[in-house]
Amino acid sequence: MMATRIALFAMLFWGMGTGATQAGTVYVATVKGSINPAVADYLSKSIQEAEAAGANALVIQLNTPGGLLSSTKDIVTDILNAEIPVVVFVSPRGAWAGSAGTFITMAGHVAAMAPGTSIGAAHPVSVLPIPPTPPVDPTKGSQAPAAPARDIMGEKIENFTAAFIESIAEARDRNVEWAIDSVRNSVAIPQSEALEKNVIDLVADDLEHLLELIDGRVVKVGREERTLVTKGTGQVVLEMSWINRFFDVIADPQIALLLILAGLLGLYVEFTQPGTLAPGIIGVICLVLAGFALQILPFNWIGLALLLTGIGLLIAEIFVPSFGVLFVSGISCFAIGGYMIFDVPSESDLAVPFWEVVVPAVAVVACFSGLVAYGVTRTMMRPQFTGHESLIGQTALVDGDIDPRGRVLVHGELWAAESNTPLRRGEKVRIVAVQDLSLRVEPTGEENT
């Protein structure tokens, strides 16, 4: 009897242990926004944490328009070399795996998408495309439009990214032809077509539905095959650390550009209105934050130089009578510089929308700078109300005969004065100059009454 009870207890505990082992946990990481070093660090740590905990799988919920090529390579490398199954899930509904997101999605051991999502358009794009110059036709003495010059740099970038995504598709046994086409021709497709073309493995409504669908699926992790156990498992949500969240926010090119413009505008106000302090302090803080962003984002030195030139021209407008030429030139430099500053297609597919971001931001800078310039110019043109220079043009009263020196009374003060014309006591005179502590005066033709 005792042996039977012991056997039953042993079977019970063994069954409970087996059920707990089978249940396990699934770790979940969420990426929403551009792909940058902060996101790459977050996903790398997520994979390491899931591996250390012996998780059944790591699910990456992805919604991105694209990002830095270097960060994308780091993420793809971590996924391909992960020691646990990594499931990339493009969600929620309406999300997209654009550009860099295409590489990450196809690198997952399991690739899934939610209804209403899309994937593709992985071609590296320049923010400021400059068409190559056609060669000159010697017979016509003009450019021949039929044979444009080769864009060698563009071809190198395209060929590299095409080979990169081809290797990912081959490693995961996915549609290689479509993967290459998404790079070379910027092809993008919805989730239904992606499933049909073997770009992804399945379509799931949400995370719970995804875990049910992939349960029992066999994937290859390293050299071995593993059966996914995800149905009914516990979920551990991995949050991004505060420092990564901070860098993730400022690594957005649009935020970085606004920080640069706000910083330059703050310094402009401080230079034109010394002693105000607040604009200068805010400007320095914005530029420090922009400096952090530029450490993360690849930027174009020409664009940055144009922004600095713009602020220099705006300051020069106050001191040089250019009738608005310097002001217009400065604003133009701001617009072109803001348009070009993140134009580094060889390292990133991030872009700053010209009409949606650059134009409104530059318009605000132009209006504010114009008001400051107008106020400073108007102040400089006003006559002085303090100091010796404020006495010029004032009317004084002769306190004693002047021939050629004497004294005058002005604002209740007695001043030494001299005049080329003899003046009598009680006459009104006009101050025409201040020399040291003596006034030069001339008669007004009026007498004190």
Protein backbone atom coordinates (compact mmCIF):
# COMPACT_ATOMS: atom_id res chain seq x y z
CA MET A 1 0.00 0.00 0.00
CA MET A 2 2.78 2.39 0.99
CA ALA A 3 4.70 1.52 -2.18
CA THR A 4 1.64 2.27 -4.28
CA ARG A 5 1.22 5.68 -2.66
CA ILE A 6 4.87 6.49 -3.19
CA ALA A 7 4.57 5.48 -6.83
CA LEU A 8 1.48 7.66 -7.26
CA PHE A 9 3.20 10.66 -5.62
CA ALA A 10 6.25 10.13 -7.82
CA MET A 11 4.11 9.99 -10.97
CA LEU A 12 2.27 13.12 -9.85
CA PHE A 13 5.43 15.12 -9.23
CA TRP A 14 6.99 13.83 -12.45
CA GLY A 15 3.90 14.83 -14.37
CA MET A 16 3.89 18.28 -12.78
CA GLY A 17 7.57 18.74 -13.57
CA THR A 18 7.05 17.62 -17.15
CA GLY A 19 4.12 20.00 -17.58
CA ALA A 20 6.17 22.87 -16.21
CA THR A 21 9.04 22.05 -18.53
CA GLN A 22 6.75 21.85 -21.52
CA ALA A 23 5.01 25.10 -20.61
CA GLY A 24 8.19 27.14 -20.21
CA THR A 25 8.31 30.80 -21.18
CA VAL A 26 8.39 32.91 -24.29
CA TYR A 27 10.24 36.19 -24.15
CA VAL A 28 8.77 39.15 -26.06
CA ALA A 29 10.65 42.22 -27.33
CA THR A 30 8.95 45.12 -29.11
CA VAL A 31 10.50 47.41 -31.71
CA LYS A 32 8.53 50.43 -32.87
CA GLY A 33 10.34 53.05 -34.90
CA SER A 34 13.61 53.36 -36.76
CA ILE A 35 16.40 50.80 -36.52
CA ASN A 36 19.38 52.38 -34.76
CA PRO A 37 22.18 51.38 -32.34
CA ALA A 38 19.84 51.69 -29.34
CA VAL A 39 17.41 49.19 -30.88
CA ALA A 40 20.28 46.90 -31.89
CA ASP A 41 21.61 46.92 -28.32
CA TYR A 42 18.12 46.27 -26.94
CA LEU A 43 17.55 43.25 -29.20
CA SER A 44 21.05 41.89 -28.57
CA LYS A 45 20.47 42.00 -24.82
CA SER A 46 17.00 40.50 -25.28
CA ILE A 47 18.45 37.52 -27.12
CA GLN A 48 21.14 37.07 -24.49
CA GLU A 49 18.62 37.29 -21.65
CA ALA A 50 16.26 34.80 -23.32
CA GLU A 51 19.16 32.40 -23.93
CA ALA A 52 20.38 32.68 -20.33
CA ALA A 53 16.86 31.98 -19.02
CA GLY A 54 16.44 28.97 -21.32
CA ALA A 55 13.31 30.45 -22.92
CA ASN A 56 11.36 28.40 -25.44
CA ALA A 57 11.61 31.25 -27.95
CA LEU A 58 12.03 34.99 -28.35
CA VAL A 59 9.32 36.89 -30.23
CA ILE A 60 10.26 40.25 -31.77
CA GLN A 61 7.19 42.36 -32.49
CA LEU A 62 8.35 44.64 -35.31
CA ASN A 63 6.99 47.88 -36.74
CA THR A 64 9.63 49.96 -38.52
CA PRO A 65 10.05 52.16 -41.60
CA GLY A 66 13.77 51.28 -41.83
CA GLY A 67 17.01 52.45 -40.30
CA LEU A 68 20.77 52.25 -40.25
CA LEU A 69 22.44 49.54 -42.29
CA SER A 70 25.10 48.95 -39.62
CA SER A 71 22.47 48.39 -36.91
CA THR A 72 20.47 46.15 -39.23
CA LYS A 73 23.56 44.01 -39.85
CA ASP A 74 24.15 43.70 -36.09
CA ILE A 75 20.56 42.61 -35.46
CA VAL A 76 20.55 40.11 -38.33
CA THR A 77 23.86 38.66 -37.13
CA ASP A 78 22.50 38.22 -33.60
CA ILE A 79 19.35 36.51 -34.88
CA LEU A 80 21.19 34.16 -37.25
CA ASN A 81 23.57 33.13 -34.47
CA ALA A 82 20.98 32.93 -31.67
CA GLU A 83 20.94 29.74 -29.60
CA ILE A 84 17.16 29.87 -29.22
CA PRO A 85 14.40 30.20 -31.84
CA VAL A 86 13.73 33.82 -32.77
CA VAL A 87 10.28 34.63 -34.15
CA VAL A 88 9.86 37.95 -35.94
CA PHE A 89 6.24 39.12 -35.96
CA VAL A 90 5.29 42.23 -37.96
CA SER A 91 2.49 43.65 -35.84
CA PRO A 92 0.09 45.16 -34.85
CA ARG A 93 -2.35 45.60 -37.74
CA GLY A 94 -1.22 48.48 -39.91
CA ALA A 95 2.46 47.97 -39.08
CA TRP A 96 5.13 47.51 -41.72
CA ALA A 97 8.56 46.01 -42.05
CA GLY A 98 9.96 48.60 -44.39
CA SER A 99 13.49 48.56 -45.74
CA ALA A 100 15.70 47.44 -42.81
CA GLY A 101 12.67 45.66 -41.33
CA THR A 102 12.60 43.37 -44.37
CA PHE A 103 16.09 42.07 -43.56
CA ILE A 104 15.19 41.50 -39.89
CA THR A 105 11.90 39.75 -40.68
CA MET A 106 13.47 37.35 -43.16
CA ALA A 107 16.28 36.55 -40.71
CA GLY A 108 13.89 35.10 -38.10
CA HIS A 109 13.63 31.35 -37.58
CA VAL A 110 9.92 31.99 -38.02
CA ALA A 111 8.63 35.04 -39.92
CA ALA A 112 5.04 36.10 -39.36
CA MET A 113 2.85 39.08 -40.12
CA ALA A 114 -0.47 40.38 -38.82
CA PRO A 115 -3.36 41.19 -41.19
CA GLY A 116 -3.11 44.66 -42.71
CA THR A 117 0.69 44.78 -42.58
CA SER A 118 3.26 45.11 -45.35
CA ILE A 119 6.88 44.31 -46.06
CA GLY A 120 9.53 45.34 -48.59
CA ALA A 121 10.92 48.47 -50.26
CA ALA A 122 14.43 47.57 -49.12
CA HIS A 123 16.29 49.61 -51.75
CA PRO A 124 18.85 52.06 -50.26
CA VAL A 125 17.52 55.52 -51.07
CA SER A 126 19.30 58.87 -51.05
CA VAL A 127 17.48 61.75 -49.41
CA LEU A 128 18.88 64.15 -51.99
CA PRO A 129 19.21 62.20 -55.25
CA ILE A 130 21.51 63.88 -57.76
CA PRO A 131 21.24 62.37 -61.25
CA PRO A 132 24.54 61.51 -62.90
CA THR A 133 25.74 63.86 -65.63
CA PRO A 134 25.27 62.45 -69.14
CA PRO A 135 28.41 62.21 -71.26
CA VAL A 136 29.13 64.81 -73.91
CA ASP A 137 28.50 63.80 -77.52
CA PRO A 138 31.58 65.08 -79.46
CA THR A 139 29.69 65.11 -82.77
CA LYS A 140 26.92 67.33 -81.48
CA GLY A 141 28.92 69.28 -78.95
CA SER A 142 26.20 68.75 -76.36
CA GLN A 143 25.13 66.22 -73.80
CA ALA A 144 23.68 62.99 -75.11
CA PRO A 145 20.70 62.06 -72.90
CA ALA A 146 20.44 58.55 -74.31
CA ALA A 147 23.51 57.24 -72.45
CA PRO A 148 23.61 58.44 -68.83
CA ALA A 149 26.79 58.02 -66.83
CA ARG A 150 27.02 55.16 -64.36
CA ASP A 151 26.42 55.87 -60.71
CA ILE A 152 29.22 53.66 -59.37
CA MET A 153 28.56 54.41 -55.70
CA GLY A 154 24.86 53.70 -56.09
CA GLU A 155 25.59 50.42 -57.82
CA LYS A 156 27.99 49.32 -55.09
CA ILE A 157 25.45 50.05 -52.35
CA GLU A 158 22.68 48.28 -54.25
CA ASN A 159 24.80 45.21 -55.03
CA PHE A 160 25.94 44.89 -51.45
CA THR A 161 22.44 45.10 -49.95
CA ALA A 162 21.11 42.70 -52.59
CA ALA A 163 23.81 40.15 -51.72
CA PHE A 164 23.11 40.68 -48.02
CA ILE A 165 19.40 39.95 -48.26
CA GLU A 166 20.04 37.06 -50.68
CA SER A 167 22.25 35.35 -48.11
CA ILE A 168 19.56 35.82 -45.44
CA ALA A 169 16.83 34.36 -47.66
CA GLU A 170 19.00 31.36 -48.54
CA ALA A 171 19.84 30.71 -44.89
CA ARG A 172 16.14 30.64 -43.98
CA ASP A 173 14.98 28.89 -47.18
CA ARG A 174 12.78 31.80 -48.25
CA ASN A 175 12.02 33.43 -51.60
CA VAL A 176 15.42 34.60 -52.81
CA GLU A 177 14.13 36.15 -56.06
CA TRP A 178 11.61 38.36 -54.26
CA ALA A 179 14.17 39.35 -51.63
CA ILE A 180 16.55 40.59 -54.33
CA ASP A 181 13.68 42.32 -56.14
CA SER A 182 12.73 44.18 -52.95
CA VAL A 183 16.24 45.68 -52.92
CA ARG A 184 16.78 46.38 -56.59
CA ASN A 185 13.24 47.53 -57.45
CA SER A 186 11.85 48.62 -54.06
CA VAL A 187 9.03 46.07 -54.27
CA ALA A 188 6.62 46.03 -51.31
CA ILE A 189 3.78 43.58 -50.71
CA PRO A 190 1.00 42.98 -48.15
CA GLN A 191 0.97 40.04 -45.74
CA SER A 192 -1.26 37.84 -47.95
CA GLU A 193 1.11 38.08 -50.91
CA ALA A 194 4.12 37.67 -48.65
CA LEU A 195 2.68 34.37 -47.41
CA GLU A 196 1.89 33.24 -50.94
CA LYS A 197 5.39 34.04 -52.19
CA ASN A 198 7.14 32.29 -49.27
CA VAL A 199 8.52 35.52 -47.89
CA ILE A 200 7.01 34.74 -44.49
CA ASP A 201 5.78 31.53 -42.85
CA LEU A 202 2.35 32.47 -41.56
CA VAL A 203 -0.20 35.18 -40.79
CA ALA A 204 -1.45 35.57 -37.22
CA ASP A 205 -4.06 37.90 -35.76
CA ASP A 206 -2.15 38.69 -32.58
CA LEU A 207 0.57 37.39 -30.29
CA GLU A 208 -1.61 34.71 -28.68
CA HIS A 209 -2.72 33.48 -32.07
CA LEU A 210 0.89 33.41 -33.24
CA LEU A 211 2.00 31.28 -30.28
CA GLU A 212 -0.79 28.81 -31.03
CA LEU A 213 0.09 28.57 -34.72
CA ILE A 214 3.84 28.01 -34.30
CA ASP A 215 3.44 25.45 -31.51
CA GLY A 216 4.96 22.18 -32.70
CA ARG A 217 6.76 23.77 -35.66
CA VAL A 218 10.27 22.41 -36.25
CA VAL A 219 13.01 25.00 -36.82
CA LYS A 220 16.75 24.72 -37.25
CA VAL A 221 18.76 26.49 -34.58
CA GLY A 222 22.45 26.24 -35.35
CA ARG A 223 23.13 22.64 -36.37
CA GLU A 224 20.17 21.09 -34.60
CA GLU A 225 16.45 20.99 -35.14
CA ARG A 226 14.09 22.09 -32.41
CA THR A 227 10.38 21.74 -31.93
CA LEU A 228 8.73 24.94 -30.77
CA VAL A 229 6.68 24.69 -27.59
CA THR A 230 4.77 27.96 -27.36
CA LYS A 231 1.09 27.15 -26.75
CA GLY A 232 0.04 27.91 -23.19
CA THR A 233 3.46 29.23 -22.21
CA GLY A 234 4.10 32.15 -19.93
CA GLN A 235 5.23 35.42 -21.46
CA VAL A 236 8.06 37.64 -20.26
CA VAL A 237 7.95 41.13 -21.77
CA LEU A 238 11.39 42.69 -22.13
CA GLU A 239 11.38 46.47 -21.74
CA MET A 240 13.96 48.76 -23.25
CA SER A 241 16.22 50.39 -20.64
CA TRP A 242 15.80 54.12 -20.03
CA ILE A 243 19.16 54.92 -21.59
CA ASN A 244 18.24 52.97 -24.72
CA ARG A 245 14.85 54.68 -24.85
CA PHE A 246 16.60 58.05 -24.60
CA PHE A 247 18.98 57.27 -27.46
CA ASP A 248 16.16 55.71 -29.46
CA VAL A 249 14.22 58.99 -29.33
CA ILE A 250 17.09 61.31 -30.24
CA ALA A 251 18.31 58.90 -32.96
CA ASP A 252 15.28 59.83 -35.04
CA PRO A 253 16.62 62.10 -37.85
CA GLN A 254 13.60 64.37 -37.56
CA ILE A 255 14.16 64.89 -33.82
CA ALA A 256 17.89 65.36 -34.41
CA LEU A 257 17.27 68.03 -37.06
CA LEU A 258 14.81 69.89 -34.82
CA LEU A 259 17.34 69.82 -31.96
CA ILE A 260 20.02 71.28 -34.24
CA LEU A 261 17.74 74.06 -35.49
CA ALA A 262 16.48 74.83 -31.97
CA GLY A 263 20.06 74.95 -30.67
CA LEU A 264 21.25 77.28 -33.41
CA LEU A 265 18.20 79.49 -32.98
CA GLY A 266 18.82 79.73 -29.22
CA LEU A 267 22.44 80.79 -29.78
CA TYR A 268 21.33 83.26 -32.44
CA VAL A 269 18.98 84.95 -29.97
CA GLU A 270 21.68 84.97 -27.28
CA PHE A 271 24.23 86.55 -29.65
CA THR A 272 21.81 89.22 -30.80
CA GLN A 273 20.38 89.89 -27.33
CA PRO A 274 23.30 89.34 -24.90
CA GLY A 275 22.36 88.70 -21.30
CA THR A 276 18.98 87.05 -21.90
CA LEU A 277 20.58 83.73 -20.77
CA ALA A 278 17.50 81.49 -21.19
CA PRO A 279 17.73 81.18 -25.02
CA GLY A 280 21.47 80.55 -24.80
CA ILE A 281 21.10 77.87 -22.12
CA ILE A 282 18.28 76.14 -24.01
CA GLY A 283 20.30 76.38 -27.23
CA VAL A 284 23.35 74.77 -25.65
CA ILE A 285 21.24 71.95 -24.19
CA CYS A 286 19.64 71.30 -27.58
CA LEU A 287 23.03 71.24 -29.29
CA VAL A 288 24.42 68.84 -26.69
CA LEU A 289 21.49 66.48 -27.32
CA ALA A 290 21.98 66.92 -31.06
CA GLY A 291 25.64 66.02 -30.56
CA PHE A 292 24.56 62.72 -28.98
CA ALA A 293 22.26 62.12 -31.96
CA LEU A 294 25.06 62.81 -34.44
CA GLN A 295 27.20 60.24 -32.61
CA ILE A 296 24.53 57.67 -33.47
CA LEU A 297 23.29 58.80 -36.87
CA PRO A 298 25.53 59.07 -39.91
CA PHE A 299 25.40 62.62 -41.19
CA ASN A 300 26.57 64.67 -44.15
CA TRP A 301 29.28 67.21 -43.27
CA ILE A 302 28.15 69.48 -46.11
CA GLY A 303 24.64 69.65 -44.67
CA LEU A 304 25.99 70.49 -41.21
CA ALA A 305 28.29 73.16 -42.67
CA LEU A 306 25.34 74.73 -44.48
CA LEU A 307 23.36 74.92 -41.23
CA LEU A 308 26.26 76.68 -39.49
CA THR A 309 26.67 79.01 -42.47
CA GLY A 310 22.97 79.83 -42.24
CA ILE A 311 23.24 81.00 -38.62
CA GLY A 312 26.32 83.07 -39.52
CA LEU A 313 24.47 84.83 -42.33
CA LEU A 314 21.50 85.57 -40.07
CA ILE A 315 23.79 87.20 -37.51
CA ALA A 316 25.60 89.15 -40.23
CA GLU A 317 22.26 90.51 -41.46
CA ILE A 318 21.94 92.54 -38.25
CA PHE A 319 25.26 94.34 -38.67
CA VAL A 320 25.55 94.59 -42.47
CA PRO A 321 22.97 96.61 -44.47
CA SER A 322 22.22 93.97 -47.13
CA PHE A 323 18.51 94.83 -47.55
CA GLY A 324 17.51 91.23 -46.70
CA VAL A 325 19.97 89.45 -49.02
CA LEU A 326 21.94 87.89 -46.16
CA PHE A 327 18.73 86.92 -44.38
CA VAL A 328 17.32 85.11 -47.43
CA SER A 329 20.69 83.44 -48.05
CA GLY A 330 20.83 82.27 -44.43
CA ILE A 331 17.34 80.76 -44.54
CA SER A 332 18.18 79.06 -47.86
CA CYS A 333 21.28 77.52 -46.26
CA PHE A 334 19.11 76.29 -43.41
CA ALA A 335 16.66 74.63 -45.80
CA ILE A 336 19.30 72.99 -47.99
CA GLY A 337 21.43 71.95 -45.00
CA GLY A 338 18.44 70.42 -43.22
CA TYR A 339 17.55 68.56 -46.42
CA MET A 340 21.07 67.18 -46.87
CA ILE A 341 22.32 66.56 -43.34
CA PHE A 342 21.21 62.91 -43.13
CA ASP A 343 21.79 62.12 -46.80
CA VAL A 344 24.08 59.10 -46.29
CA PRO A 345 22.48 56.30 -48.35
CA SER A 346 25.51 54.03 -47.99
CA GLU A 347 24.89 53.76 -44.23
CA SER A 348 21.22 54.48 -43.69
CA ASP A 349 17.83 54.57 -45.38
CA LEU A 350 16.47 57.10 -42.90
CA ALA A 351 15.18 60.33 -44.37
CA VAL A 352 13.95 63.71 -43.21
CA PRO A 353 10.73 64.58 -45.11
CA PHE A 354 11.28 67.89 -46.85
CA TRP A 355 7.74 69.30 -46.99
CA GLU A 356 6.52 67.72 -43.75
CA VAL A 357 9.51 68.54 -41.51
CA VAL A 358 12.22 70.69 -43.14
CA VAL A 359 9.96 73.39 -44.59
CA PRO A 360 7.84 73.96 -41.43
CA ALA A 361 10.92 73.92 -39.18
CA VAL A 362 12.83 76.38 -41.37
CA ALA A 363 9.71 78.57 -41.66
CA VAL A 364 9.53 78.82 -37.86
CA VAL A 365 13.25 79.68 -37.70
CA ALA A 366 12.78 82.29 -40.44
CA CYS A 367 9.82 83.96 -38.71
CA PHE A 368 11.49 84.03 -35.32
CA SER A 369 14.84 85.19 -36.71
CA GLY A 370 13.09 87.86 -38.74
CA LEU A 371 11.33 89.21 -35.65
CA VAL A 372 14.58 89.24 -33.69
CA ALA A 373 16.49 90.93 -36.52
CA TYR A 374 13.73 93.51 -36.93
CA GLY A 375 13.68 94.26 -33.22
CA VAL A 376 17.46 94.53 -32.94
CA THR A 377 17.75 96.72 -36.05
CA ARG A 378 14.96 98.99 -34.86
CA THR A 379 16.65 99.33 -31.47
CA MET A 380 20.01 100.16 -33.05
CA MET A 381 18.41 102.88 -35.20
CA ARG A 382 16.81 104.62 -32.23
CA PRO A 383 18.63 107.59 -30.67
CA GLN A 384 20.40 106.81 -27.43
CA PHE A 385 18.69 107.78 -24.19
CA THR A 386 21.60 107.18 -21.83
CA GLY A 387 25.28 108.11 -21.72
CA HIS A 388 27.09 111.13 -23.16
CA GLU A 389 25.90 110.34 -26.69
CA SER A 390 22.31 110.86 -25.58
CA LEU A 391 23.08 114.59 -25.08
CA ILE A 392 23.64 115.18 -28.79
CA GLY A 393 20.68 117.09 -30.23
CA GLN A 394 19.41 118.15 -26.82
CA THR A 395 18.63 121.81 -26.01
CA ALA A 396 20.65 123.48 -23.26
CA LEU A 397 20.55 126.87 -21.54
CA VAL A 398 23.62 129.12 -21.42
CA ASP A 399 24.50 129.64 -17.75
CA GLY A 400 27.23 132.18 -18.39
CA ASP A 401 28.56 134.03 -21.41
CA ILE A 402 30.42 131.76 -23.82
CA ASP A 403 33.26 133.34 -25.80
CA PRO A 404 34.39 130.85 -26.83
CA ARG A 405 34.09 128.82 -23.57
CA GLY A 406 31.58 128.87 -20.78
CA ARG A 407 28.91 126.78 -19.11
CA VAL A 408 25.49 125.45 -20.07
CA LEU A 409 22.68 123.88 -18.07
CA VAL A 410 21.18 120.65 -19.39
CA HIS A 411 18.97 118.15 -17.51
CA GLY A 412 19.71 120.02 -14.30
CA GLU A 413 23.48 119.61 -14.74
CA LEU A 414 26.15 122.22 -15.48
CA TRP A 415 28.51 121.29 -18.31
CA ALA A 416 31.58 123.00 -19.72
CA ALA A 417 30.78 124.19 -23.22
CA GLU A 418 32.40 125.94 -26.15
CA SER A 419 31.07 127.60 -29.27
CA ASN A 420 32.44 129.30 -32.34
CA THR A 421 29.74 131.93 -31.92
CA PRO A 422 29.69 134.22 -28.84
CA LEU A 423 26.65 133.43 -26.69
CA ARG A 424 24.98 135.40 -23.90
CA ARG A 425 23.57 134.16 -20.66
CA GLY A 426 19.98 132.87 -21.03
CA GLU A 427 20.25 131.89 -24.69
CA LYS A 428 19.11 128.46 -25.81
CA VAL A 429 21.67 126.34 -27.61
CA ARG A 430 21.74 122.97 -29.28
CA ILE A 431 24.39 120.37 -28.34
CA VAL A 432 26.12 119.12 -31.50
CA ALA A 433 29.00 117.08 -30.06
CA VAL A 434 30.52 115.70 -26.88
CA GLN A 435 34.30 115.88 -26.51
CA ASP A 436 35.57 114.35 -23.29
CA LEU A 437 33.68 116.31 -20.63
CA SER A 438 33.00 119.37 -22.77
CA LEU A 439 30.05 120.10 -25.02
CA ARG A 440 30.15 121.81 -28.40
CA VAL A 441 27.06 123.91 -28.86
CA GLU A 442 25.50 126.18 -31.45
CA PRO A 443 22.80 128.85 -31.06
CA THR A 444 19.19 128.01 -31.77
CA GLY A 445 18.17 131.64 -32.08
CA GLU A 446 15.85 131.41 -29.05
CA GLU A 447 16.15 133.05 -25.66
CA ASN A 448 14.88 131.76 -22.35
CA THR A 449 11.62 133.41 -21.41
